[in-house]
Amino acid sequence: MYLVILNKSYCPSDVYQSNDVIGFTDDGGINWIESSLTTNLTSNYSDGIVLTSDKNLILIKNSIYELIRK
């Protein structure tokens, strides 16, 4: 499974406003599943780690999120 943070759109008059998604693929990038749009996820992202092929941890600002593929 590959996990990425994608910048889907941004506001040219406000450099701090962007709409980002977390996307994952398990077929080498042919098909992607994306989360709902989130504001400034890319700029707030700090770190991430792969625990298993179905479980990831990501650190965004001071919050840790566990991502589990079901």
C-alpha atoms as a PDB file:
ATOM      1  CA  MET A   1       0.000   0.000   0.000  1.00  0.00           C
ATOM      2  CA  TYR A   2       1.288   3.460  -0.899  1.00  0.00           C
ATOM      3  CA  LEU A   3       0.133   6.514   1.056  1.00  0.00           C
ATOM      4  CA  VAL A   4       0.476  10.110  -0.173  1.00  0.00           C
ATOM      5  CA  ILE A   5      -0.757  13.574   0.710  1.00  0.00           C
ATOM      6  CA  LEU A   6      -2.010  15.359  -2.401  1.00  0.00           C
ATOM      7  CA  ASN A   7      -2.598  19.074  -2.861  1.00  0.00           C
ATOM      8  CA  LYS A   8      -5.893  19.210  -4.780  1.00  0.00           C
ATOM      9  CA  SER A   9      -6.360  22.981  -4.997  1.00  0.00           C
ATOM     10  CA  TYR A  10      -5.222  26.242  -3.487  1.00  0.00           C
ATOM     11  CA  CYS A  11      -6.289  29.873  -3.353  1.00  0.00           C
ATOM     12  CA  PRO A  12      -3.790  32.079  -5.270  1.00  0.00           C
ATOM     13  CA  SER A  13      -4.632  35.119  -3.155  1.00  0.00           C
ATOM     14  CA  ASP A  14      -4.063  33.255   0.135  1.00  0.00           C
ATOM     15  CA  VAL A  15      -0.885  31.144   0.171  1.00  0.00           C
ATOM     16  CA  TYR A  16      -1.935  29.539   3.456  1.00  0.00           C
ATOM     17  CA  GLN A  17      -5.212  28.152   2.077  1.00  0.00           C
ATOM     18  CA  SER A  18      -4.989  24.817   0.296  1.00  0.00           C
ATOM     19  CA  ASN A  19      -7.222  21.783   0.041  1.00  0.00           C
ATOM     20  CA  ASP A  20      -5.387  18.514   0.530  1.00  0.00           C
ATOM     21  CA  VAL A  21      -6.326  14.841   0.685  1.00  0.00           C
ATOM     22  CA  ILE A  22      -4.721  11.669   1.950  1.00  0.00           C
ATOM     23  CA  GLY A  23      -4.681   9.127  -0.850  1.00  0.00           C
ATOM     24  CA  PHE A  24      -3.673   5.473  -0.960  1.00  0.00           C
ATOM     25  CA  THR A  25      -3.229   2.845  -3.618  1.00  0.00           C
ATOM     26  CA  ASP A  26      -2.519  -0.850  -3.417  1.00  0.00           C
ATOM     27  CA  ASP A  27      -2.133  -1.506  -7.144  1.00  0.00           C
ATOM     28  CA  GLY A  28       0.964   0.555  -7.900  1.00  0.00           C
ATOM     29  CA  GLY A  29      -0.836   3.846  -8.492  1.00  0.00           C
ATOM     30  CA  ILE A  30      -3.406   2.825 -11.114  1.00  0.00           C
ATOM     31  CA  ASN A  31      -6.360   3.417  -8.769  1.00  0.00           C
ATOM     32  CA  TRP A  32      -6.413   5.800  -5.789  1.00  0.00           C
ATOM     33  CA  ILE A  33      -8.792   6.137  -2.852  1.00  0.00           C
ATOM     34  CA  GLU A  34      -8.865   9.639  -1.351  1.00  0.00           C
ATOM     35  CA  SER A  35     -10.045  11.097   1.943  1.00  0.00           C
ATOM     36  CA  SER A  36     -12.295  14.123   2.167  1.00  0.00           C
ATOM     37  CA  LEU A  37     -10.630  17.475   1.459  1.00  0.00           C
ATOM     38  CA  THR A  38      -8.800  18.953   4.452  1.00  0.00           C
ATOM     39  CA  THR A  39      -7.448  22.472   4.762  1.00  0.00           C
ATOM     40  CA  ASN A  40      -3.645  22.851   4.929  1.00  0.00           C
ATOM     41  CA  LEU A  41      -2.901  19.178   5.574  1.00  0.00           C
ATOM     42  CA  THR A  42       0.321  19.339   3.534  1.00  0.00           C
ATOM     43  CA  SER A  43       1.756  22.281   5.466  1.00  0.00           C
ATOM     44  CA  ASN A  44       0.694  20.813   8.845  1.00  0.00           C
ATOM     45  CA  TYR A  45       2.076  17.317   8.149  1.00  0.00           C
ATOM     46  CA  SER A  46       5.053  16.447  10.374  1.00  0.00           C
ATOM     47  CA  ASP A  47       5.907  12.753   9.979  1.00  0.00           C
ATOM     48  CA  GLY A  48       4.543   9.303   9.233  1.00  0.00           C
ATOM     49  CA  ILE A  49       5.411   5.650   9.707  1.00  0.00           C
ATOM     50  CA  VAL A  50       4.196   2.396   8.144  1.00  0.00           C
ATOM     51  CA  LEU A  51       3.309  -0.144  10.844  1.00  0.00           C
ATOM     52  CA  THR A  52       1.960  -2.924   8.621  1.00  0.00           C
ATOM     53  CA  SER A  53       0.721  -3.185   5.039  1.00  0.00           C
ATOM     54  CA  ASP A  54      -2.733  -2.081   6.281  1.00  0.00           C
ATOM     55  CA  LYS A  55      -1.845   0.341   9.077  1.00  0.00           C
ATOM     56  CA  ASN A  56      -0.044   3.710   9.109  1.00  0.00           C
ATOM     57  CA  LEU A  57       0.543   6.413  11.689  1.00  0.00           C
ATOM     58  CA  ILE A  58       0.798  10.050  10.644  1.00  0.00           C
ATOM     59  CA  LEU A  59       1.664  13.081  12.739  1.00  0.00           C
ATOM     60  CA  ILE A  60      -0.139  16.315  11.858  1.00  0.00           C
ATOM     61  CA  LYS A  61       0.830  19.239  14.054  1.00  0.00           C
ATOM     62  CA  ASN A  62       0.554  17.742  17.563  1.00  0.00           C
ATOM     63  CA  SER A  63      -1.947  14.978  16.727  1.00  0.00           C
ATOM     64  CA  ILE A  64      -1.218  11.351  15.805  1.00  0.00           C
ATOM     65  CA  TYR A  65      -3.689   9.592  13.484  1.00  0.00           C
ATOM     66  CA  GLU A  66      -3.877   5.865  12.893  1.00  0.00           C
ATOM     67  CA  LEU A  67      -4.916   5.046   9.329  1.00  0.00           C
ATOM     68  CA  ILE A  68      -6.281   1.535   8.835  1.00  0.00           C
ATOM     69  CA  ARG A  69      -7.321   0.094   5.496  1.00  0.00           C
ATOM     70  CA  LYS A  70     -10.494  -1.987   5.832  1.00  0.00           C
END
